C-alpha atoms as a PDB file:
ATOM      1  CA  MET A   1     -63.776 -67.039 -20.012  1.00  0.00           C
ATOM      2  CA  GLU A   2     -66.119 -66.531 -17.057  1.00  0.00           C
ATOM      3  CA  ASN A   3     -64.337 -66.556 -13.714  1.00  0.00           C
ATOM      4  CA  ASN A   4     -65.828 -68.186 -10.635  1.00  0.00           C
ATOM      5  CA  ARG A   5     -66.528 -65.114  -8.555  1.00  0.00           C
ATOM      6  CA  ARG A   6     -69.447 -63.057  -7.287  1.00  0.00           C
ATOM      7  CA  LYS A   7     -70.626 -60.475  -9.811  1.00  0.00           C
ATOM      8  CA  ARG A   8     -72.433 -57.150  -9.645  1.00  0.00           C
ATOM      9  CA  ILE A   9     -75.641 -56.306 -11.467  1.00  0.00           C
ATOM     10  CA  TYR A  10     -74.616 -52.690 -11.984  1.00  0.00           C
ATOM     11  CA  CYS A  11     -71.150 -51.212 -12.411  1.00  0.00           C
ATOM     12  CA  PRO A  12     -70.315 -49.152  -9.297  1.00  0.00           C
ATOM     13  CA  ASN A  13     -68.176 -46.832 -11.429  1.00  0.00           C
ATOM     14  CA  CYS A  14     -70.461 -45.837 -14.337  1.00  0.00           C
ATOM     15  CA  LYS A  15     -73.779 -47.483 -13.313  1.00  0.00           C
ATOM     16  CA  SER A  16     -74.035 -49.518 -16.522  1.00  0.00           C
ATOM     17  CA  GLN A  17     -76.132 -52.675 -16.282  1.00  0.00           C
ATOM     18  CA  LEU A  18     -74.007 -55.849 -16.282  1.00  0.00           C
ATOM     19  CA  LYS A  19     -74.638 -59.509 -17.000  1.00  0.00           C
ATOM     20  CA  ALA A  20     -73.468 -62.538 -15.035  1.00  0.00           C
ATOM     21  CA  HIS A  21     -70.844 -63.614 -17.597  1.00  0.00           C
ATOM     22  CA  MET A  22     -69.162 -60.189 -17.705  1.00  0.00           C
ATOM     23  CA  ASN A  23     -65.818 -60.030 -15.898  1.00  0.00           C
ATOM     24  CA  PHE A  24     -65.379 -56.355 -16.796  1.00  0.00           C
ATOM     25  CA  CYS A  25     -67.743 -53.469 -17.444  1.00  0.00           C
ATOM     26  CA  PHE A  26     -68.277 -53.065 -21.195  1.00  0.00           C
ATOM     27  CA  ASP A  27     -68.547 -49.279 -20.815  1.00  0.00           C
ATOM     28  CA  CYS A  28     -65.722 -48.147 -18.508  1.00  0.00           C
ATOM     29  CA  GLY A  29     -63.613 -51.317 -18.186  1.00  0.00           C
ATOM     30  CA  GLN A  30     -63.798 -51.685 -14.396  1.00  0.00           C
ATOM     31  CA  GLU A  31     -63.489 -55.219 -13.043  1.00  0.00           C
ATOM     32  CA  ASN A  32     -66.831 -56.837 -12.215  1.00  0.00           C
ATOM     33  CA  ASN A  33     -66.261 -58.468  -8.864  1.00  0.00           C
ATOM     34  CA  ILE A  34     -67.765 -58.149  -5.394  1.00  0.00           C
ATOM     35  CA  LYS A  35     -64.873 -58.296  -2.986  1.00  0.00           C
ATOM     36  CA  ARG A  36     -63.250 -56.084  -0.396  1.00  0.00           C
ATOM     37  CA  VAL A  37     -59.977 -54.348  -1.205  1.00  0.00           C
ATOM     38  CA  SER A  38     -57.098 -56.115   0.526  1.00  0.00           C
ATOM     39  CA  ILE A  39     -53.446 -55.255   1.106  1.00  0.00           C
ATOM     40  CA  LYS A  40     -52.582 -57.740  -1.633  1.00  0.00           C
ATOM     41  CA  ILE A  41     -54.861 -56.005  -4.137  1.00  0.00           C
ATOM     42  CA  LEU A  42     -53.531 -52.576  -3.153  1.00  0.00           C
ATOM     43  CA  LEU A  43     -49.900 -53.649  -3.574  1.00  0.00           C
ATOM     44  CA  ASN A  44     -50.690 -55.403  -6.832  1.00  0.00           C
ATOM     45  CA  ASP A  45     -52.331 -52.236  -8.220  1.00  0.00           C
ATOM     46  CA  PHE A  46     -49.314 -50.153  -7.199  1.00  0.00           C
ATOM     47  CA  PHE A  47     -46.598 -52.399  -8.562  1.00  0.00           C
ATOM     48  CA  SER A  48     -48.444 -53.321 -11.763  1.00  0.00           C
ATOM     49  CA  THR A  49     -49.052 -49.645 -12.573  1.00  0.00           C
ATOM     50  CA  TYR A  50     -45.532 -48.552 -11.566  1.00  0.00           C
ATOM     51  CA  PHE A  51     -43.650 -51.188 -13.519  1.00  0.00           C
ATOM     52  CA  THR A  52     -45.989 -50.971 -16.520  1.00  0.00           C
ATOM     53  CA  VAL A  53     -45.276 -47.242 -16.869  1.00  0.00           C
ATOM     54  CA  ASN A  54     -41.541 -47.685 -16.423  1.00  0.00           C
ATOM     55  CA  SER A  55     -41.312 -50.669 -18.765  1.00  0.00           C
ATOM     56  CA  LYS A  56     -43.228 -48.666 -21.376  1.00  0.00           C
ATOM     57  CA  LEU A  57     -40.847 -45.734 -20.904  1.00  0.00           C
ATOM     58  CA  LEU A  58     -37.743 -47.915 -21.174  1.00  0.00           C
ATOM     59  CA  LEU A  59     -39.086 -49.683 -24.258  1.00  0.00           C
ATOM     60  CA  THR A  60     -39.978 -46.353 -25.872  1.00  0.00           C
ATOM     61  CA  LEU A  61     -36.531 -44.889 -25.181  1.00  0.00           C
ATOM     62  CA  LYS A  62     -34.869 -48.038 -26.512  1.00  0.00           C
ATOM     63  CA  LEU A  63     -36.847 -47.927 -29.764  1.00  0.00           C
ATOM     64  CA  LEU A  64     -36.335 -44.181 -30.042  1.00  0.00           C
ATOM     65  CA  ILE A  65     -32.569 -44.667 -30.006  1.00  0.00           C
ATOM     66  CA  ILE A  66     -32.051 -47.853 -32.018  1.00  0.00           C
ATOM     67  CA  LYS A  67     -34.905 -47.600 -34.553  1.00  0.00           C
ATOM     68  CA  PRO A  68     -35.061 -44.155 -36.205  1.00  0.00           C
ATOM     69  CA  GLY A  69     -38.561 -43.297 -37.414  1.00  0.00           C
ATOM     70  CA  PHE A  70     -40.157 -46.407 -35.874  1.00  0.00           C
ATOM     71  CA  LEU A  71     -42.129 -44.656 -33.127  1.00  0.00           C
ATOM     72  CA  SER A  72     -43.573 -42.069 -35.528  1.00  0.00           C
ATOM     73  CA  ILE A  73     -44.679 -44.754 -37.966  1.00  0.00           C
ATOM     74  CA  ALA A  74     -46.113 -46.901 -35.160  1.00  0.00           C
ATOM     75  CA  TYR A  75     -48.030 -44.011 -33.605  1.00  0.00           C
ATOM     76  CA  LEU A  76     -49.561 -42.824 -36.867  1.00  0.00           C
ATOM     77  CA  SER A  77     -50.533 -46.398 -37.815  1.00  0.00           C
ATOM     78  CA  GLY A  78     -52.572 -46.729 -34.629  1.00  0.00           C
ATOM     79  CA  ARG A  79     -50.134 -48.591 -32.360  1.00  0.00           C
ATOM     80  CA  ILE A  80     -50.467 -46.106 -29.508  1.00  0.00           C
ATOM     81  CA  GLU A  81     -50.827 -47.902 -26.177  1.00  0.00           C
ATOM     82  CA  GLY A  82     -47.678 -50.003 -26.480  1.00  0.00           C
ATOM     83  CA  TYR A  83     -45.342 -47.009 -26.233  1.00  0.00           C
ATOM     84  CA  LEU A  84     -45.154 -43.687 -24.412  1.00  0.00           C
ATOM     85  CA  ARG A  85     -47.052 -41.047 -26.367  1.00  0.00           C
ATOM     86  CA  PRO A  86     -44.947 -38.406 -28.147  1.00  0.00           C
ATOM     87  CA  ILE A  87     -45.880 -35.393 -26.032  1.00  0.00           C
ATOM     88  CA  ARG A  88     -45.383 -37.326 -22.773  1.00  0.00           C
ATOM     89  CA  LEU A  89     -42.033 -38.576 -23.993  1.00  0.00           C
ATOM     90  CA  TYR A  90     -40.988 -35.034 -24.892  1.00  0.00           C
ATOM     91  CA  VAL A  91     -42.038 -33.660 -21.490  1.00  0.00           C
ATOM     92  CA  PHE A  92     -40.049 -36.395 -19.727  1.00  0.00           C
ATOM     93  CA  VAL A  93     -36.794 -36.100 -21.700  1.00  0.00           C
ATOM     94  CA  SER A  94     -36.885 -32.286 -21.767  1.00  0.00           C
ATOM     95  CA  PHE A  95     -37.398 -32.194 -17.996  1.00  0.00           C
ATOM     96  CA  VAL A  96     -34.467 -34.554 -17.413  1.00  0.00           C
ATOM     97  CA  PHE A  97     -32.223 -32.685 -19.849  1.00  0.00           C
ATOM     98  CA  PHE A  98     -32.812 -29.222 -18.421  1.00  0.00           C
ATOM     99  CA  LEU A  99     -32.568 -30.541 -14.885  1.00  0.00           C
ATOM    100  CA  LEU A 100     -29.148 -31.995 -15.701  1.00  0.00           C
ATOM    101  CA  SER A 101     -27.928 -29.031 -17.713  1.00  0.00           C
ATOM    102  CA  THR A 102     -28.981 -26.582 -15.015  1.00  0.00           C
ATOM    103  CA  ASN A 103     -27.586 -28.467 -12.043  1.00  0.00           C
ATOM    104  CA  LEU A 104     -24.505 -30.111 -13.549  1.00  0.00           C
ATOM    105  CA  THR A 105     -23.193 -27.771 -16.192  1.00  0.00           C
ATOM    106  CA  SER A 106     -24.470 -24.437 -14.940  1.00  0.00           C
ATOM    107  CA  TYR A 107     -24.553 -24.344 -11.164  1.00  0.00           C
ATOM    108  CA  LYS A 108     -22.150 -26.993  -9.903  1.00  0.00           C
ATOM    109  CA  SER A 109     -19.462 -26.682 -12.548  1.00  0.00           C
ATOM    110  CA  THR A 110     -19.647 -22.886 -12.427  1.00  0.00           C
ATOM    111  CA  ILE A 111     -19.235 -22.760  -8.666  1.00  0.00           C
ATOM    112  CA  GLU A 112     -16.313 -25.211  -8.835  1.00  0.00           C
ATOM    113  CA  ARG A 113     -14.662 -23.477 -11.783  1.00  0.00           C
ATOM    114  CA  ILE A 114     -14.636 -19.865 -10.642  1.00  0.00           C
ATOM    115  CA  ASN A 115     -14.566 -18.174  -7.272  1.00  0.00           C
ATOM    116  CA  LEU A 116     -17.761 -16.183  -7.290  1.00  0.00           C
ATOM    117  CA  THR A 117     -18.106 -13.585  -4.580  1.00  0.00           C
ATOM    118  CA  LEU A 118     -20.915 -11.360  -3.485  1.00  0.00           C
ATOM    119  CA  ASN A 119     -20.027  -8.624  -1.030  1.00  0.00           C
ATOM    120  CA  GLU A 120     -16.723 -10.483  -0.458  1.00  0.00           C
ATOM    121  CA  MET A 121     -18.598 -13.653   0.546  1.00  0.00           C
ATOM    122  CA  PRO A 122     -18.895 -16.896  -1.490  1.00  0.00           C
ATOM    123  CA  VAL A 123     -21.990 -17.060  -3.647  1.00  0.00           C
ATOM    124  CA  THR A 124     -24.241 -20.045  -2.901  1.00  0.00           C
ATOM    125  CA  ILE A 125     -26.682 -21.818  -5.183  1.00  0.00           C
ATOM    126  CA  GLY A 126     -29.442 -19.959  -3.369  1.00  0.00           C
ATOM    127  CA  ASP A 127     -27.833 -16.678  -4.348  1.00  0.00           C
ATOM    128  CA  LEU A 128     -27.768 -17.758  -7.974  1.00  0.00           C
ATOM    129  CA  GLU A 129     -31.394 -18.851  -7.906  1.00  0.00           C
ATOM    130  CA  ASP A 130     -32.852 -15.949  -5.921  1.00  0.00           C
ATOM    131  CA  GLY A 131     -30.466 -13.035  -6.227  1.00  0.00           C
ATOM    132  CA  PHE A 132     -29.833 -12.467  -9.904  1.00  0.00           C
ATOM    133  CA  GLY A 133     -27.925  -9.341  -9.022  1.00  0.00           C
ATOM    134  CA  GLU A 134     -30.764  -7.825  -6.984  1.00  0.00           C
ATOM    135  CA  SER A 135     -28.692  -7.298  -3.852  1.00  0.00           C
ATOM    136  CA  GLU A 136     -29.337  -4.053  -2.010  1.00  0.00           C
ATOM    137  CA  THR A 137     -25.637  -3.227  -2.208  1.00  0.00           C
ATOM    138  CA  ALA A 138     -25.391  -4.003  -5.909  1.00  0.00           C
ATOM    139  CA  PRO A 139     -25.022  -0.923  -8.081  1.00  0.00           C
ATOM    140  CA  LYS A 140     -28.253   0.113  -9.791  1.00  0.00           C
ATOM    141  CA  ILE A 141     -28.450   1.162 -13.406  1.00  0.00           C
ATOM    142  CA  ASN A 142     -31.182   2.549 -15.580  1.00  0.00           C
ATOM    143  CA  GLU A 143     -33.195  -0.513 -16.670  1.00  0.00           C
ATOM    144  CA  ASN A 144     -34.550   1.337 -19.664  1.00  0.00           C
ATOM    145  CA  SER A 145     -31.075   1.610 -21.119  1.00  0.00           C
ATOM    146  CA  LEU A 146     -30.336  -1.632 -22.994  1.00  0.00           C
ATOM    147  CA  ASP A 147     -26.737  -0.629 -23.671  1.00  0.00           C
ATOM    148  CA  LYS A 148     -26.027  -0.002 -20.006  1.00  0.00           C
ATOM    149  CA  LYS A 149     -27.727  -3.239 -19.019  1.00  0.00           C
ATOM    150  CA  ILE A 150     -25.633  -5.261 -21.482  1.00  0.00           C
ATOM    151  CA  GLU A 151     -22.506  -3.457 -20.297  1.00  0.00           C
ATOM    152  CA  LYS A 152     -23.329  -4.364 -16.709  1.00  0.00           C
ATOM    153  CA  ILE A 153     -24.094  -8.027 -17.512  1.00  0.00           C
ATOM    154  CA  PHE A 154     -20.816  -8.541 -19.358  1.00  0.00           C
ATOM    155  CA  SER A 155     -18.739  -6.411 -17.017  1.00  0.00           C
ATOM    156  CA  THR A 156     -17.651  -9.339 -14.832  1.00  0.00           C
ATOM    157  CA  GLU A 157     -17.582 -13.105 -15.109  1.00  0.00           C
ATOM    158  CA  ARG A 158     -19.925 -13.366 -12.148  1.00  0.00           C
ATOM    159  CA  GLU A 159     -22.600 -11.158 -13.720  1.00  0.00           C
ATOM    160  CA  THR A 160     -22.334 -12.996 -17.045  1.00  0.00           C
ATOM    161  CA  THR A 161     -22.656 -16.405 -15.368  1.00  0.00           C
ATOM    162  CA  ILE A 162     -25.715 -15.391 -13.366  1.00  0.00           C
ATOM    163  CA  PHE A 163     -27.389 -13.929 -16.467  1.00  0.00           C
ATOM    164  CA  PHE A 164     -26.850 -17.040 -18.571  1.00  0.00           C
ATOM    165  CA  ASN A 165     -28.165 -19.254 -15.761  1.00  0.00           C
ATOM    166  CA  TYR A 166     -31.252 -17.053 -15.678  1.00  0.00           C
ATOM    167  CA  MET A 167     -31.660 -17.307 -19.446  1.00  0.00           C
ATOM    168  CA  LEU A 168     -31.071 -21.070 -19.475  1.00  0.00           C
ATOM    169  CA  ALA A 169     -33.972 -21.579 -17.061  1.00  0.00           C
ATOM    170  CA  LYS A 170     -36.328 -20.026 -19.625  1.00  0.00           C
ATOM    171  CA  PHE A 171     -34.868 -21.679 -22.740  1.00  0.00           C
ATOM    172  CA  PRO A 172     -37.187 -24.754 -22.750  1.00  0.00           C
ATOM    173  CA  ILE A 173     -39.937 -22.423 -23.979  1.00  0.00           C
ATOM    174  CA  VAL A 174     -37.894 -21.654 -27.094  1.00  0.00           C
ATOM    175  CA  MET A 175     -37.211 -25.318 -27.823  1.00  0.00           C
ATOM    176  CA  PHE A 176     -40.892 -26.177 -27.472  1.00  0.00           C
ATOM    177  CA  ILE A 177     -41.912 -23.331 -29.803  1.00  0.00           C
ATOM    178  CA  MET A 178     -39.452 -24.531 -32.454  1.00  0.00           C
ATOM    179  CA  ILE A 179     -41.046 -28.009 -32.673  1.00  0.00           C
ATOM    180  CA  PRO A 180     -44.176 -26.898 -34.606  1.00  0.00           C
ATOM    181  CA  VAL A 181     -41.912 -24.677 -36.713  1.00  0.00           C
ATOM    182  CA  LEU A 182     -39.818 -27.725 -37.603  1.00  0.00           C
ATOM    183  CA  GLY A 183     -43.056 -29.577 -38.405  1.00  0.00           C
ATOM    184  CA  LEU A 184     -44.010 -26.806 -40.819  1.00  0.00           C
ATOM    185  CA  LEU A 185     -40.639 -27.068 -42.553  1.00  0.00           C
ATOM    186  CA  PHE A 186     -41.004 -30.834 -42.958  1.00  0.00           C
ATOM    187  CA  ASN A 187     -44.522 -30.208 -44.270  1.00  0.00           C
ATOM    188  CA  LEU A 188     -43.149 -27.740 -46.807  1.00  0.00           C
ATOM    189  CA  PHE A 189     -40.186 -29.737 -48.109  1.00  0.00           C
ATOM    190  CA  PHE A 190     -41.553 -33.287 -47.711  1.00  0.00           C
ATOM    191  CA  PHE A 191     -45.100 -32.475 -48.766  1.00  0.00           C
ATOM    192  CA  ASN A 192     -47.301 -35.465 -49.445  1.00  0.00           C
ATOM    193  CA  LYS A 193     -51.053 -35.359 -50.071  1.00  0.00           C
ATOM    194  CA  SER A 194     -51.560 -38.443 -47.921  1.00  0.00           C
ATOM    195  CA  TYR A 195     -49.964 -36.738 -44.891  1.00  0.00           C
ATOM    196  CA  TYR A 196     -51.506 -34.191 -42.560  1.00  0.00           C
ATOM    197  CA  TYR A 197     -49.632 -31.548 -40.588  1.00  0.00           C
ATOM    198  CA  ILE A 198     -49.988 -33.646 -37.426  1.00  0.00           C
ATOM    199  CA  ASP A 199     -47.943 -36.385 -39.136  1.00  0.00           C
ATOM    200  CA  TYR A 200     -45.044 -34.004 -39.677  1.00  0.00           C
ATOM    201  CA  LEU A 201     -45.438 -32.697 -36.128  1.00  0.00           C
ATOM    202  CA  ILE A 202     -45.223 -36.199 -34.624  1.00  0.00           C
ATOM    203  CA  PHE A 203     -42.040 -36.861 -36.598  1.00  0.00           C
ATOM    204  CA  SER A 204     -40.582 -33.547 -35.374  1.00  0.00           C
ATOM    205  CA  LEU A 205     -41.470 -34.406 -31.773  1.00  0.00           C
ATOM    206  CA  HIS A 206     -39.696 -37.755 -31.929  1.00  0.00           C
ATOM    207  CA  LEU A 207     -36.683 -36.169 -33.613  1.00  0.00           C
ATOM    208  CA  GLN A 208     -36.496 -33.571 -30.852  1.00  0.00           C
ATOM    209  CA  CYS A 209     -36.872 -36.312 -28.220  1.00  0.00           C
ATOM    210  CA  PHE A 210     -33.905 -38.142 -29.725  1.00  0.00           C
ATOM    211  CA  LEU A 211     -31.835 -34.942 -29.698  1.00  0.00           C
ATOM    212  CA  LEU A 212     -32.601 -34.342 -26.016  1.00  0.00           C
ATOM    213  CA  THR A 213     -31.881 -37.981 -25.154  1.00  0.00           C
ATOM    214  CA  LEU A 214     -28.563 -37.694 -26.975  1.00  0.00           C
ATOM    215  CA  LEU A 215     -27.749 -34.505 -25.067  1.00  0.00           C
ATOM    216  CA  ILE A 216     -28.610 -36.201 -21.763  1.00  0.00           C
ATOM    217  CA  ILE A 217     -26.169 -39.022 -22.531  1.00  0.00           C
ATOM    218  CA  THR A 218     -23.371 -36.684 -23.637  1.00  0.00           C
ATOM    219  CA  THR A 219     -23.940 -34.399 -20.620  1.00  0.00           C
ATOM    220  CA  LEU A 220     -23.608 -37.337 -18.225  1.00  0.00           C
ATOM    221  CA  ILE A 221     -20.495 -38.611 -19.995  1.00  0.00           C
ATOM    222  CA  ASP A 222     -18.948 -35.139 -19.904  1.00  0.00           C
ATOM    223  CA  TRP A 223     -19.762 -34.792 -16.194  1.00  0.00           C
ATOM    224  CA  LEU A 224     -18.634 -38.284 -15.149  1.00  0.00           C
ATOM    225  CA  LEU A 225     -15.713 -38.942 -17.510  1.00  0.00           C
ATOM    226  CA  LYS A 226     -14.775 -35.404 -18.594  1.00  0.00           C
ATOM    227  CA  ILE A 227     -15.107 -36.386 -22.259  1.00  0.00           C
ATOM    228  CA  ASP A 228     -16.645 -33.868 -24.651  1.00  0.00           C
ATOM    229  CA  LEU A 229     -18.765 -35.673 -27.259  1.00  0.00           C
ATOM    230  CA  SER A 230     -20.442 -32.617 -28.776  1.00  0.00           C
ATOM    231  CA  ILE A 231     -19.167 -33.315 -32.293  1.00  0.00           C
ATOM    232  CA  VAL A 232     -20.103 -37.002 -32.046  1.00  0.00           C
ATOM    233  CA  ALA A 233     -23.602 -36.027 -30.870  1.00  0.00           C
ATOM    234  CA  PHE A 234     -23.999 -33.587 -33.786  1.00  0.00           C
ATOM    235  CA  LEU A 235     -22.938 -36.207 -36.345  1.00  0.00           C
ATOM    236  CA  GLY A 236     -25.146 -38.781 -34.646  1.00  0.00           C
ATOM    237  CA  LEU A 237     -28.156 -36.468 -34.966  1.00  0.00           C
ATOM    238  CA  LEU A 238     -27.489 -35.920 -38.682  1.00  0.00           C
ATOM    239  CA  ILE A 239     -27.200 -39.657 -39.387  1.00  0.00           C
ATOM    240  CA  TYR A 240     -30.221 -40.472 -37.221  1.00  0.00           C
ATOM    241  CA  GLY A 241     -32.364 -37.789 -38.860  1.00  0.00           C
ATOM    242  CA  TYR A 242     -31.435 -39.016 -42.335  1.00  0.00           C
ATOM    243  CA  ILE A 243     -32.314 -42.644 -41.557  1.00  0.00           C
ATOM    244  CA  ALA A 244     -35.549 -41.624 -39.817  1.00  0.00           C
ATOM    245  CA  ALA A 245     -36.605 -39.431 -42.756  1.00  0.00           C
ATOM    246  CA  LEU A 246     -35.858 -42.231 -45.243  1.00  0.00           C
ATOM    247  CA  LYS A 247     -38.103 -44.632 -43.348  1.00  0.00           C
ATOM    248  CA  PHE A 248     -40.856 -42.160 -42.550  1.00  0.00           C
ATOM    249  CA  TYR A 249     -41.207 -40.247 -45.831  1.00  0.00           C
ATOM    250  CA  LYS A 250     -40.147 -43.131 -48.116  1.00  0.00           C
ATOM    251  CA  LYS A 251     -38.387 -40.986 -50.694  1.00  0.00           C
ATOM    252  CA  LYS A 252     -35.181 -41.629 -52.638  1.00  0.00           C
ATOM    253  CA  LYS A 253     -31.904 -41.288 -50.751  1.00  0.00           C
ATOM    254  CA  LEU A 254     -30.551 -38.294 -52.674  1.00  0.00           C
ATOM    255  CA  ILE A 255     -33.871 -36.437 -52.583  1.00  0.00           C
ATOM    256  CA  THR A 256     -34.179 -37.101 -48.842  1.00  0.00           C
ATOM    257  CA  PHE A 257     -30.641 -35.824 -48.272  1.00  0.00           C
ATOM    258  CA  LEU A 258     -31.189 -32.616 -50.267  1.00  0.00           C
ATOM    259  CA  LYS A 259     -34.529 -31.877 -48.613  1.00  0.00           C
ATOM    260  CA  LEU A 260     -33.061 -32.480 -45.173  1.00  0.00           C
ATOM    261  CA  CYS A 261     -30.288 -30.020 -45.986  1.00  0.00           C
ATOM    262  CA  LEU A 262     -32.893 -27.405 -46.901  1.00  0.00           C
ATOM    263  CA  VAL A 263     -34.844 -28.108 -43.715  1.00  0.00           C
ATOM    264  CA  GLY A 264     -31.614 -27.799 -41.724  1.00  0.00           C
ATOM    265  CA  VAL A 265     -30.607 -24.487 -43.315  1.00  0.00           C
ATOM    266  CA  PHE A 266     -34.006 -22.862 -42.844  1.00  0.00           C
ATOM    267  CA  HIS A 267     -34.419 -24.260 -39.339  1.00  0.00           C
ATOM    268  CA  THR A 268     -30.984 -23.016 -38.294  1.00  0.00           C
ATOM    269  CA  GLY A 269     -31.751 -19.556 -39.655  1.00  0.00           C
ATOM    270  CA  LEU A 270     -35.067 -19.436 -37.801  1.00  0.00           C
ATOM    271  CA  ILE A 271     -33.388 -20.618 -34.590  1.00  0.00           C
ATOM    272  CA  VAL A 272     -30.892 -17.748 -34.850  1.00  0.00           C
ATOM    273  CA  VAL A 273     -33.711 -15.219 -35.308  1.00  0.00           C
ATOM    274  CA  VAL A 274     -35.775 -16.695 -32.454  1.00  0.00           C
ATOM    275  CA  CYS A 275     -32.746 -16.805 -30.147  1.00  0.00           C
ATOM    276  CA  ILE A 276     -31.997 -13.124 -30.846  1.00  0.00           C
ATOM    277  CA  LEU A 277     -35.608 -12.210 -30.079  1.00  0.00           C
ATOM    278  CA  PHE A 278     -35.500 -14.413 -26.993  1.00  0.00           C
ATOM    279  CA  PHE A 279     -32.313 -12.704 -25.808  1.00  0.00           C
ATOM    280  CA  LEU A 280     -33.842  -9.254 -26.245  1.00  0.00           C
ATOM    281  CA  LEU A 281     -37.011 -10.330 -24.430  1.00  0.00           C
ATOM    282  CA  VAL A 282     -35.029 -11.782 -21.531  1.00  0.00           C
ATOM    283  CA  MET A 283     -33.023  -8.554 -21.373  1.00  0.00           C
ATOM    284  CA  GLN A 284     -36.241  -6.617 -20.876  1.00  0.00           C
ATOM    285  CA  THR A 285     -37.316  -8.754 -17.896  1.00  0.00           C
ATOM    286  CA  TYR A 286     -33.880  -9.208 -16.331  1.00  0.00           C
ATOM    287  CA  SER A 287     -32.913  -6.920 -13.452  1.00  0.00           C
ATOM    288  CA  VAL A 288     -29.315  -5.981 -12.741  1.00  0.00           C
END
């Protein structure tokens, strides 16, 4: 419906020619209206964008948790704009998870739990972030000797804690690498001619997003209420993955269960191998 307002002949954004009845540019979508920007318009743009993004995020997280497989099916069927896209969702939840795990479980709880000292002075968070055992007074060892380096790292609780904090900061790379690997496993064991690899990858992304969301919830509960829900989270992931796979791949229950078991076994084995390689690589770059 044509609005009663002054129109432009050309779009100021993309220079496309416009007609009098057009309320928006047919090429770039910019509003066709000659008017000065006011405080009201500026505030409206801010709040509409801010709350649209957050409402989309909250809706996506809600559906991710309560409807296994729904987001993958919706995305691959073309319903994209209504929910946060898979890669953006993964970046958000992984950032929140590693922020929490680093600050709550690694730094704060470690400092409260043990009395770390460096040169007979309390170790601060800054020491943990910047020092990593590189103090001038710290004993030096031959960095080319892996055995000596491991011996040094595990010689005291302080050295071990600092090393694992260092390694934890780099672990998101491993988790991201394992997502396409998981997609390949789903492609192998749930092969369907009507599916492409990207379909399996999207499913793997949403499954990983659910795992990270679950870990965020359990981490907060553990920190606030001192209740360890690790086993509950593991069982929840198994049940969620089974329901999601049933809906997404549309195979019989027993076949889905058996194939998921195979995916789990192979994925676990690959994770062990990758983690060993990751540990050895971190050892090469870590200074003690």
